[in-house]
Amino acid sequence: MDESKSKLSVYMPAACEVRFKDGSAVRYGRRVKGTLSKGKLSGMEGMKTKVVVWVKVTGVCVESCKSDKVWFMASGVKKSRPRDAYELPHDSVRVEEI
């Protein structure tokens, strides 16, 4: 993380897909990056979620530390999902691309 600019980059050995307990699916590329600020990641690259088709996630946020929702911004749409679905790590499945 570049703390002077709040830039976060995560590198993984392969692209992968994770399914969460609420039924949602998220795909991560080999590099996921964004700008980190209190309660949100914005300017995301390397992450997609499935709505009807796979769409690019541009941001993730919570309204407060007590919020029970996580908000995903994708293709101009803001969608909430239950926070507890993301509290426990889940196994990932390798995918060719995101």
N, C-alpha and C. Protein backbone atom coordinates (compact mmCIF):
# COMPACT_ATOMS: atom_id res chain seq x y z
N MET A 1 0.85 -1.18 0.00
CA MET A 1 0.00 0.00 0.00
C MET A 1 0.89 1.24 0.00
N ASP A 2 0.58 2.18 -0.87
CA ASP A 2 1.26 3.47 -0.91
C ASP A 2 0.50 4.41 0.02
N GLU A 3 0.95 4.50 1.29
CA GLU A 3 0.21 5.26 2.30
C GLU A 3 0.12 6.74 1.99
N SER A 4 1.08 7.29 1.26
CA SER A 4 1.04 8.72 0.95
C SER A 4 -0.11 9.06 0.00
N LYS A 5 -0.55 8.08 -0.79
CA LYS A 5 -1.63 8.31 -1.75
C LYS A 5 -2.86 7.45 -1.47
N SER A 6 -2.82 6.64 -0.43
CA SER A 6 -3.90 5.72 -0.06
C SER A 6 -4.23 4.73 -1.18
N LYS A 7 -3.24 4.38 -1.97
CA LYS A 7 -3.43 3.41 -3.05
C LYS A 7 -3.15 2.01 -2.51
N LEU A 8 -4.03 1.08 -2.83
CA LEU A 8 -3.89 -0.30 -2.39
C LEU A 8 -3.82 -1.20 -3.61
N SER A 9 -2.84 -2.08 -3.66
CA SER A 9 -2.73 -3.08 -4.73
C SER A 9 -2.53 -4.43 -4.08
N VAL A 10 -3.29 -5.42 -4.55
CA VAL A 10 -3.17 -6.80 -4.07
C VAL A 10 -2.85 -7.67 -5.27
N TYR A 11 -1.80 -8.47 -5.15
CA TYR A 11 -1.38 -9.35 -6.23
C TYR A 11 -1.65 -10.79 -5.82
N MET A 12 -2.26 -11.56 -6.75
CA MET A 12 -2.58 -12.96 -6.48
C MET A 12 -1.94 -13.83 -7.55
N PRO A 13 -1.69 -15.10 -7.24
CA PRO A 13 -1.04 -15.97 -8.21
C PRO A 13 -1.89 -16.27 -9.44
N ALA A 14 -3.22 -16.16 -9.32
CA ALA A 14 -4.11 -16.44 -10.45
C ALA A 14 -5.44 -15.73 -10.22
N ALA A 15 -6.17 -15.50 -11.30
CA ALA A 15 -7.53 -14.96 -11.18
C ALA A 15 -8.39 -16.02 -10.50
N CYS A 16 -9.37 -15.58 -9.70
CA CYS A 16 -10.19 -16.54 -8.98
C CYS A 16 -11.62 -16.02 -8.79
N GLU A 17 -12.49 -16.94 -8.43
CA GLU A 17 -13.89 -16.62 -8.14
C GLU A 17 -14.21 -17.12 -6.74
N VAL A 18 -14.92 -16.28 -5.99
CA VAL A 18 -15.33 -16.64 -4.64
C VAL A 18 -16.84 -16.50 -4.55
N ARG A 19 -17.50 -17.50 -3.99
CA ARG A 19 -18.95 -17.44 -3.73
C ARG A 19 -19.14 -17.27 -2.23
N PHE A 20 -20.06 -16.39 -1.88
CA PHE A 20 -20.29 -16.08 -0.47
C PHE A 20 -21.61 -16.65 0.00
N LYS A 21 -21.83 -16.64 1.31
CA LYS A 21 -22.99 -17.34 1.87
C LYS A 21 -24.33 -16.73 1.47
N ASP A 22 -24.34 -15.50 0.95
CA ASP A 22 -25.60 -14.91 0.47
C ASP A 22 -25.87 -15.27 -0.99
N GLY A 23 -24.99 -16.11 -1.58
CA GLY A 23 -25.17 -16.53 -2.96
C GLY A 23 -24.45 -15.64 -3.97
N SER A 24 -23.87 -14.54 -3.51
CA SER A 24 -23.18 -13.64 -4.43
C SER A 24 -21.84 -14.25 -4.86
N ALA A 25 -21.39 -13.82 -6.02
CA ALA A 25 -20.11 -14.29 -6.55
C ALA A 25 -19.27 -13.07 -6.93
N VAL A 26 -17.99 -13.14 -6.62
CA VAL A 26 -17.05 -12.07 -6.96
C VAL A 26 -15.85 -12.72 -7.62
N ARG A 27 -15.38 -12.10 -8.70
CA ARG A 27 -14.15 -12.55 -9.36
C ARG A 27 -13.07 -11.50 -9.15
N TYR A 28 -11.87 -12.00 -8.89
CA TYR A 28 -10.72 -11.14 -8.67
C TYR A 28 -9.67 -11.46 -9.73
N GLY A 29 -9.11 -10.44 -10.34
CA GLY A 29 -8.02 -10.62 -11.28
C GLY A 29 -6.72 -10.89 -10.54
N ARG A 30 -5.65 -11.06 -11.29
CA ARG A 30 -4.34 -11.30 -10.66
C ARG A 30 -3.88 -10.08 -9.88
N ARG A 31 -4.34 -8.89 -10.29
CA ARG A 31 -4.03 -7.67 -9.54
C ARG A 31 -5.34 -6.93 -9.30
N VAL A 32 -5.61 -6.62 -8.05
CA VAL A 32 -6.77 -5.82 -7.66
C VAL A 32 -6.22 -4.55 -7.04
N LYS A 33 -6.71 -3.40 -7.51
CA LYS A 33 -6.20 -2.16 -6.92
C LYS A 33 -7.31 -1.14 -6.80
N GLY A 34 -7.08 -0.18 -5.93
CA GLY A 34 -8.06 0.88 -5.71
C GLY A 34 -7.51 1.89 -4.73
N THR A 35 -8.32 2.89 -4.44
CA THR A 35 -7.97 3.93 -3.49
C THR A 35 -8.71 3.66 -2.20
N LEU A 36 -7.98 3.59 -1.11
CA LEU A 36 -8.53 3.25 0.19
C LEU A 36 -8.76 4.51 1.01
N SER A 37 -9.97 4.65 1.54
CA SER A 37 -10.27 5.73 2.48
C SER A 37 -11.21 5.16 3.54
N LYS A 38 -11.53 5.93 4.55
CA LYS A 38 -12.33 5.41 5.66
C LYS A 38 -13.67 4.86 5.16
N GLY A 39 -13.85 3.56 5.34
CA GLY A 39 -15.11 2.91 4.99
C GLY A 39 -15.30 2.59 3.53
N LYS A 40 -14.29 2.85 2.67
CA LYS A 40 -14.53 2.53 1.27
C LYS A 40 -13.25 2.31 0.47
N LEU A 41 -13.43 1.56 -0.60
CA LEU A 41 -12.45 1.39 -1.66
C LEU A 41 -13.07 1.98 -2.91
N SER A 42 -12.38 2.87 -3.58
CA SER A 42 -12.92 3.46 -4.81
C SER A 42 -11.90 3.31 -5.93
N GLY A 43 -12.35 3.60 -7.15
CA GLY A 43 -11.46 3.48 -8.30
C GLY A 43 -10.93 2.07 -8.48
N MET A 44 -11.77 1.10 -8.17
CA MET A 44 -11.36 -0.31 -8.19
C MET A 44 -11.05 -0.78 -9.61
N GLU A 45 -10.06 -1.63 -9.70
CA GLU A 45 -9.71 -2.34 -10.93
C GLU A 45 -9.42 -3.78 -10.56
N GLY A 46 -9.84 -4.72 -11.42
CA GLY A 46 -9.53 -6.12 -11.20
C GLY A 46 -10.54 -6.89 -10.40
N MET A 47 -11.77 -6.39 -10.33
CA MET A 47 -12.81 -7.07 -9.55
C MET A 47 -14.13 -6.99 -10.30
N LYS A 48 -14.86 -8.11 -10.36
CA LYS A 48 -16.18 -8.16 -11.00
C LYS A 48 -17.15 -8.91 -10.10
N THR A 49 -18.43 -8.60 -10.26
CA THR A 49 -19.48 -9.33 -9.56
C THR A 49 -20.54 -9.74 -10.58
N LYS A 50 -21.27 -10.78 -10.27
CA LYS A 50 -22.28 -11.25 -11.20
C LYS A 50 -23.64 -10.71 -10.79
N VAL A 51 -24.24 -9.98 -11.71
CA VAL A 51 -25.61 -9.51 -11.51
C VAL A 51 -26.45 -10.45 -12.37
N VAL A 52 -26.57 -10.18 -13.65
CA VAL A 52 -27.09 -11.15 -14.62
C VAL A 52 -25.89 -11.62 -15.44
N VAL A 53 -25.02 -10.66 -15.73
CA VAL A 53 -23.74 -10.93 -16.38
C VAL A 53 -22.65 -10.39 -15.45
N TRP A 54 -21.41 -10.71 -15.74
CA TRP A 54 -20.30 -10.19 -14.94
C TRP A 54 -20.10 -8.72 -15.24
N VAL A 55 -20.07 -7.89 -14.20
CA VAL A 55 -19.87 -6.44 -14.36
C VAL A 55 -18.71 -5.99 -13.48
N LYS A 56 -18.01 -4.98 -13.95
CA LYS A 56 -16.84 -4.44 -13.24
C LYS A 56 -17.28 -3.73 -11.97
N VAL A 57 -16.66 -4.08 -10.86
CA VAL A 57 -16.89 -3.39 -9.59
C VAL A 57 -15.96 -2.18 -9.56
N THR A 58 -16.52 -1.00 -9.32
CA THR A 58 -15.71 0.22 -9.28
C THR A 58 -15.50 0.72 -7.85
N GLY A 59 -16.30 0.22 -6.90
CA GLY A 59 -16.15 0.65 -5.52
C GLY A 59 -16.88 -0.27 -4.55
N VAL A 60 -16.41 -0.27 -3.31
CA VAL A 60 -17.02 -1.04 -2.23
C VAL A 60 -17.00 -0.14 -1.00
N CYS A 61 -18.14 -0.07 -0.28
CA CYS A 61 -18.14 0.78 0.92
C CYS A 61 -19.12 0.27 1.97
N VAL A 62 -18.92 0.75 3.19
CA VAL A 62 -19.86 0.56 4.29
C VAL A 62 -20.18 1.95 4.82
N GLU A 63 -21.40 2.15 5.30
CA GLU A 63 -21.79 3.48 5.78
C GLU A 63 -21.15 3.82 7.12
N SER A 64 -20.95 2.81 7.96
CA SER A 64 -20.27 3.00 9.25
C SER A 64 -19.79 1.64 9.73
N CYS A 65 -18.99 1.63 10.78
CA CYS A 65 -18.49 0.35 11.29
C CYS A 65 -19.62 -0.51 11.87
N LYS A 66 -20.75 0.09 12.17
CA LYS A 66 -21.90 -0.64 12.71
C LYS A 66 -22.91 -1.04 11.64
N SER A 67 -22.67 -0.65 10.41
CA SER A 67 -23.58 -0.95 9.32
C SER A 67 -23.68 -2.45 9.09
N ASP A 68 -24.86 -2.94 8.76
CA ASP A 68 -25.02 -4.36 8.47
C ASP A 68 -25.03 -4.63 6.97
N LYS A 69 -24.69 -3.62 6.16
CA LYS A 69 -24.68 -3.74 4.70
C LYS A 69 -23.31 -3.36 4.14
N VAL A 70 -22.94 -4.05 3.07
CA VAL A 70 -21.79 -3.67 2.25
C VAL A 70 -22.36 -3.23 0.92
N TRP A 71 -21.92 -2.08 0.44
CA TRP A 71 -22.41 -1.54 -0.83
C TRP A 71 -21.37 -1.76 -1.92
N PHE A 72 -21.82 -2.30 -3.05
CA PHE A 72 -20.96 -2.49 -4.22
C PHE A 72 -21.44 -1.54 -5.30
N MET A 73 -20.50 -0.81 -5.92
CA MET A 73 -20.82 0.02 -7.06
C MET A 73 -20.29 -0.69 -8.30
N ALA A 74 -21.19 -0.93 -9.25
CA ALA A 74 -20.80 -1.64 -10.47
C ALA A 74 -21.62 -1.11 -11.64
N SER A 75 -20.96 -0.68 -12.67
CA SER A 75 -21.61 -0.18 -13.88
C SER A 75 -22.67 0.87 -13.57
N GLY A 76 -22.35 1.79 -12.67
CA GLY A 76 -23.27 2.88 -12.35
C GLY A 76 -24.40 2.51 -11.41
N VAL A 77 -24.42 1.28 -10.93
CA VAL A 77 -25.48 0.81 -10.04
C VAL A 77 -24.88 0.55 -8.66
N LYS A 78 -25.59 0.95 -7.62
CA LYS A 78 -25.16 0.71 -6.24
C LYS A 78 -26.07 -0.35 -5.64
N LYS A 79 -25.48 -1.45 -5.18
CA LYS A 79 -26.28 -2.57 -4.64
C LYS A 79 -25.74 -2.95 -3.27
N SER A 80 -26.66 -3.15 -2.33
CA SER A 80 -26.23 -3.56 -0.99
C SER A 80 -26.37 -5.06 -0.83
N ARG A 81 -25.50 -5.59 0.01
CA ARG A 81 -25.53 -7.00 0.36
C ARG A 81 -25.26 -7.11 1.86
N PRO A 82 -25.73 -8.17 2.51
CA PRO A 82 -25.52 -8.30 3.96
C PRO A 82 -24.03 -8.45 4.31
N ARG A 83 -23.58 -7.65 5.26
CA ARG A 83 -22.17 -7.66 5.66
C ARG A 83 -21.73 -9.02 6.18
N ASP A 84 -22.59 -9.71 6.90
CA ASP A 84 -22.18 -10.98 7.49
C ASP A 84 -21.84 -12.05 6.45
N ALA A 85 -22.28 -11.87 5.22
CA ALA A 85 -21.94 -12.82 4.16
C ALA A 85 -20.45 -12.81 3.85
N TYR A 86 -19.76 -11.72 4.20
CA TYR A 86 -18.34 -11.55 3.86
C TYR A 86 -17.41 -11.66 5.07
N GLU A 87 -17.95 -11.98 6.24
CA GLU A 87 -17.13 -12.00 7.45
C GLU A 87 -16.21 -13.21 7.55
N LEU A 88 -16.60 -14.34 7.01
CA LEU A 88 -15.76 -15.54 7.06
C LEU A 88 -15.15 -15.78 5.69
N PRO A 89 -13.86 -16.14 5.64
CA PRO A 89 -13.24 -16.41 4.34
C PRO A 89 -13.85 -17.65 3.70
N HIS A 90 -13.91 -17.63 2.39
CA HIS A 90 -14.43 -18.76 1.62
C HIS A 90 -13.35 -19.23 0.66
N ASP A 91 -13.43 -20.49 0.26
CA ASP A 91 -12.48 -21.02 -0.72
C ASP A 91 -12.74 -20.37 -2.06
N SER A 92 -11.68 -20.23 -2.83
CA SER A 92 -11.81 -19.67 -4.17
C SER A 92 -11.59 -20.76 -5.20
N VAL A 93 -12.07 -20.48 -6.41
CA VAL A 93 -11.89 -21.38 -7.54
C VAL A 93 -11.13 -20.60 -8.60
N ARG A 94 -10.11 -21.21 -9.13
CA ARG A 94 -9.31 -20.55 -10.17
C ARG A 94 -10.15 -20.37 -11.43
N VAL A 95 -10.03 -19.20 -12.06
CA VAL A 95 -10.70 -18.93 -13.34
C VAL A 95 -9.64 -18.44 -14.32
N GLU A 96 -9.92 -18.59 -15.61
CA GLU A 96 -8.96 -18.17 -16.63
C GLU A 96 -8.83 -16.65 -16.70
N GLU A 97 -9.96 -15.97 -16.61
CA GLU A 97 -9.94 -14.51 -16.69
C GLU A 97 -11.15 -13.95 -15.97
N ILE A 98 -11.13 -12.65 -15.73
CA ILE A 98 -12.30 -12.07 -15.08
C ILE A 98 -13.10 -11.25 -16.05
